[in-house]
Amino acid sequence: MPTEATEQPVQWGLRWRHRKGGTYRVIATGRIEADLTPCVIYVSEQDGYVWVRPSAEFNDGRFTCIDDETAHE
């Protein structure tokens, strides 16, 4: 069950590192059409692939922000 922490919106443009490696930049947030689940849309800085993941998964600890959030305000 999602918690308040996993439902927090993710700011566009910030860079994140996945716990298994790889860096990504958030390019948008949205909803999954089938059930309207909030999602994060992000692009790999290594290969340019675009990925979509439910926001609850993105915010569950598998990603760590590596940008200074104040630099994008």
N, C-alpha and C. Protein backbone atom coordinates (compact mmCIF):
# COMPACT_ATOMS: atom_id res chain seq x y z
N MET A 1 0.85 -1.19 0.00
CA MET A 1 0.00 0.00 0.00
C MET A 1 0.89 1.24 0.00
N PRO A 2 0.61 2.21 -0.90
CA PRO A 2 1.45 3.40 -0.96
C PRO A 2 1.37 4.22 0.33
N THR A 3 2.48 4.84 0.65
CA THR A 3 2.51 5.73 1.80
C THR A 3 2.59 7.16 1.28
N GLU A 4 2.48 8.11 2.20
CA GLU A 4 2.57 9.52 1.79
C GLU A 4 3.91 9.80 1.11
N ALA A 5 4.99 9.18 1.58
CA ALA A 5 6.32 9.41 1.00
C ALA A 5 6.39 8.91 -0.44
N THR A 6 5.75 7.76 -0.75
CA THR A 6 5.84 7.23 -2.11
C THR A 6 4.89 7.93 -3.07
N GLU A 7 3.99 8.75 -2.57
CA GLU A 7 3.05 9.46 -3.42
C GLU A 7 3.50 10.90 -3.71
N GLN A 8 4.66 11.31 -3.22
CA GLN A 8 5.15 12.66 -3.44
C GLN A 8 5.47 12.87 -4.92
N PRO A 9 5.09 14.04 -5.48
CA PRO A 9 5.44 14.30 -6.87
C PRO A 9 6.95 14.47 -7.03
N VAL A 10 7.44 14.10 -8.19
CA VAL A 10 8.86 14.21 -8.51
C VAL A 10 9.04 15.42 -9.41
N GLN A 11 10.00 16.27 -9.06
CA GLN A 11 10.25 17.49 -9.84
C GLN A 11 10.93 17.15 -11.17
N TRP A 12 10.43 17.71 -12.24
CA TRP A 12 11.00 17.50 -13.58
C TRP A 12 12.40 18.07 -13.65
N GLY A 13 13.24 17.44 -14.46
CA GLY A 13 14.58 17.95 -14.73
C GLY A 13 15.65 17.46 -13.79
N LEU A 14 15.27 16.90 -12.65
CA LEU A 14 16.28 16.42 -11.70
C LEU A 14 16.89 15.11 -12.15
N ARG A 15 18.14 14.91 -11.76
CA ARG A 15 18.87 13.67 -12.09
C ARG A 15 18.80 12.72 -10.91
N TRP A 16 18.64 11.44 -11.24
CA TRP A 16 18.50 10.39 -10.23
C TRP A 16 19.42 9.21 -10.57
N ARG A 17 19.89 8.51 -9.54
CA ARG A 17 20.69 7.30 -9.73
C ARG A 17 19.87 6.12 -9.21
N HIS A 18 19.79 5.07 -10.04
CA HIS A 18 19.10 3.85 -9.63
C HIS A 18 20.02 3.04 -8.73
N ARG A 19 19.46 2.31 -7.79
CA ARG A 19 20.29 1.54 -6.84
C ARG A 19 21.15 0.50 -7.54
N LYS A 20 20.78 0.05 -8.73
CA LYS A 20 21.58 -0.91 -9.48
C LYS A 20 22.57 -0.22 -10.42
N GLY A 21 22.60 1.12 -10.39
CA GLY A 21 23.49 1.88 -11.27
C GLY A 21 22.69 2.57 -12.35
N GLY A 22 23.34 3.41 -13.10
CA GLY A 22 22.65 4.17 -14.15
C GLY A 22 22.11 5.48 -13.60
N THR A 23 22.17 6.50 -14.44
CA THR A 23 21.62 7.80 -14.07
C THR A 23 20.52 8.16 -15.04
N TYR A 24 19.54 8.88 -14.53
CA TYR A 24 18.33 9.20 -15.29
C TYR A 24 17.90 10.62 -15.00
N ARG A 25 17.22 11.23 -15.96
CA ARG A 25 16.66 12.57 -15.78
C ARG A 25 15.15 12.46 -15.94
N VAL A 26 14.41 12.99 -14.96
CA VAL A 26 12.95 13.00 -15.03
C VAL A 26 12.53 14.02 -16.09
N ILE A 27 11.72 13.57 -17.04
CA ILE A 27 11.28 14.47 -18.12
C ILE A 27 9.79 14.82 -18.02
N ALA A 28 9.04 14.08 -17.21
CA ALA A 28 7.61 14.37 -17.06
C ALA A 28 7.02 13.48 -15.98
N THR A 29 5.83 13.84 -15.56
CA THR A 29 5.01 12.96 -14.73
C THR A 29 3.69 12.80 -15.47
N GLY A 30 2.95 11.76 -15.13
CA GLY A 30 1.70 11.53 -15.84
C GLY A 30 0.85 10.51 -15.11
N ARG A 31 -0.01 9.86 -15.87
CA ARG A 31 -0.90 8.82 -15.34
C ARG A 31 -0.87 7.64 -16.30
N ILE A 32 -0.91 6.44 -15.76
CA ILE A 32 -1.01 5.24 -16.57
C ILE A 32 -2.47 5.13 -17.01
N GLU A 33 -2.71 5.03 -18.30
CA GLU A 33 -4.06 5.11 -18.86
C GLU A 33 -5.00 4.05 -18.30
N ALA A 34 -4.54 2.85 -18.10
CA ALA A 34 -5.41 1.75 -17.71
C ALA A 34 -6.11 1.97 -16.38
N ASP A 35 -5.39 2.57 -15.42
CA ASP A 35 -5.99 2.71 -14.08
C ASP A 35 -5.73 4.06 -13.42
N LEU A 36 -5.14 4.99 -14.19
CA LEU A 36 -4.87 6.36 -13.74
C LEU A 36 -3.85 6.44 -12.60
N THR A 37 -3.02 5.43 -12.47
CA THR A 37 -1.95 5.44 -11.48
C THR A 37 -0.96 6.55 -11.83
N PRO A 38 -0.58 7.41 -10.86
CA PRO A 38 0.45 8.42 -11.14
C PRO A 38 1.77 7.73 -11.53
N CYS A 39 2.48 8.33 -12.48
CA CYS A 39 3.74 7.73 -12.92
C CYS A 39 4.80 8.81 -13.16
N VAL A 40 6.04 8.34 -13.24
CA VAL A 40 7.19 9.20 -13.52
C VAL A 40 7.76 8.72 -14.86
N ILE A 41 8.08 9.67 -15.73
CA ILE A 41 8.65 9.39 -17.04
C ILE A 41 10.07 9.94 -17.03
N TYR A 42 11.03 9.07 -17.33
CA TYR A 42 12.43 9.49 -17.19
C TYR A 42 13.27 8.88 -18.30
N VAL A 43 14.40 9.53 -18.59
CA VAL A 43 15.26 9.11 -19.69
C VAL A 43 16.63 8.72 -19.14
N SER A 44 17.17 7.63 -19.69
CA SER A 44 18.50 7.17 -19.31
C SER A 44 19.55 8.09 -19.90
N GLU A 45 20.51 8.49 -19.08
CA GLU A 45 21.61 9.32 -19.57
C GLU A 45 22.66 8.47 -20.27
N GLN A 46 22.58 7.15 -20.16
CA GLN A 46 23.54 6.27 -20.80
C GLN A 46 23.14 5.93 -22.23
N ASP A 47 21.88 5.56 -22.45
CA ASP A 47 21.48 5.09 -23.77
C ASP A 47 20.30 5.83 -24.40
N GLY A 48 19.72 6.79 -23.67
CA GLY A 48 18.63 7.59 -24.21
C GLY A 48 17.26 6.95 -24.17
N TYR A 49 17.16 5.71 -23.65
CA TYR A 49 15.85 5.07 -23.55
C TYR A 49 14.96 5.85 -22.58
N VAL A 50 13.68 5.91 -22.91
CA VAL A 50 12.69 6.55 -22.05
C VAL A 50 11.95 5.46 -21.29
N TRP A 51 11.79 5.67 -19.98
CA TRP A 51 11.17 4.68 -19.10
C TRP A 51 9.98 5.31 -18.39
N VAL A 52 9.01 4.48 -18.03
CA VAL A 52 7.83 4.91 -17.28
C VAL A 52 7.68 3.95 -16.10
N ARG A 53 7.49 4.53 -14.93
CA ARG A 53 7.36 3.72 -13.71
C ARG A 53 6.31 4.37 -12.81
N PRO A 54 5.48 3.57 -12.14
CA PRO A 54 4.54 4.15 -11.18
C PRO A 54 5.29 5.00 -10.16
N SER A 55 4.71 6.14 -9.79
CA SER A 55 5.35 7.05 -8.84
C SER A 55 5.70 6.35 -7.53
N ALA A 56 4.83 5.48 -7.06
CA ALA A 56 5.09 4.77 -5.80
C ALA A 56 6.37 3.96 -5.89
N GLU A 57 6.63 3.33 -7.02
CA GLU A 57 7.87 2.57 -7.20
C GLU A 57 9.07 3.50 -7.31
N PHE A 58 8.91 4.60 -8.05
CA PHE A 58 10.02 5.54 -8.23
C PHE A 58 10.46 6.10 -6.88
N ASN A 59 9.51 6.31 -5.98
CA ASN A 59 9.79 6.93 -4.69
C ASN A 59 10.00 5.94 -3.55
N ASP A 60 10.14 4.66 -3.84
CA ASP A 60 10.23 3.67 -2.76
C ASP A 60 11.66 3.42 -2.27
N GLY A 61 12.62 4.19 -2.76
CA GLY A 61 14.00 4.04 -2.29
C GLY A 61 14.94 3.48 -3.33
N ARG A 62 14.42 3.04 -4.47
CA ARG A 62 15.31 2.47 -5.48
C ARG A 62 16.04 3.55 -6.28
N PHE A 63 15.58 4.81 -6.21
CA PHE A 63 16.24 5.94 -6.86
C PHE A 63 16.67 6.95 -5.81
N THR A 64 17.85 7.57 -6.03
CA THR A 64 18.36 8.62 -5.17
C THR A 64 18.63 9.85 -6.02
N CYS A 65 18.11 10.99 -5.59
CA CYS A 65 18.33 12.23 -6.32
C CYS A 65 19.80 12.62 -6.20
N ILE A 66 20.43 12.95 -7.33
CA ILE A 66 21.84 13.34 -7.33
C ILE A 66 22.01 14.79 -7.77
N ASP A 67 20.90 15.51 -7.93
CA ASP A 67 20.93 16.93 -8.27
C ASP A 67 20.64 17.76 -7.03
N ASP A 68 21.10 19.00 -7.08
CA ASP A 68 20.71 19.97 -6.07
C ASP A 68 19.37 20.52 -6.50
N GLU A 69 18.29 20.18 -5.77
CA GLU A 69 16.94 20.55 -6.17
C GLU A 69 16.76 22.06 -6.30
N THR A 70 17.51 22.85 -5.57
CA THR A 70 17.34 24.31 -5.63
C THR A 70 17.88 24.88 -6.92
N ALA A 71 18.71 24.11 -7.65
CA ALA A 71 19.29 24.62 -8.90
C ALA A 71 18.25 24.68 -10.01
N HIS A 72 17.09 24.04 -9.84
CA HIS A 72 16.10 23.98 -10.90
C HIS A 72 14.85 24.78 -10.58
N GLU A 73 14.86 25.56 -9.51
CA GLU A 73 13.67 26.34 -9.15
C GLU A 73 13.58 27.62 -9.94
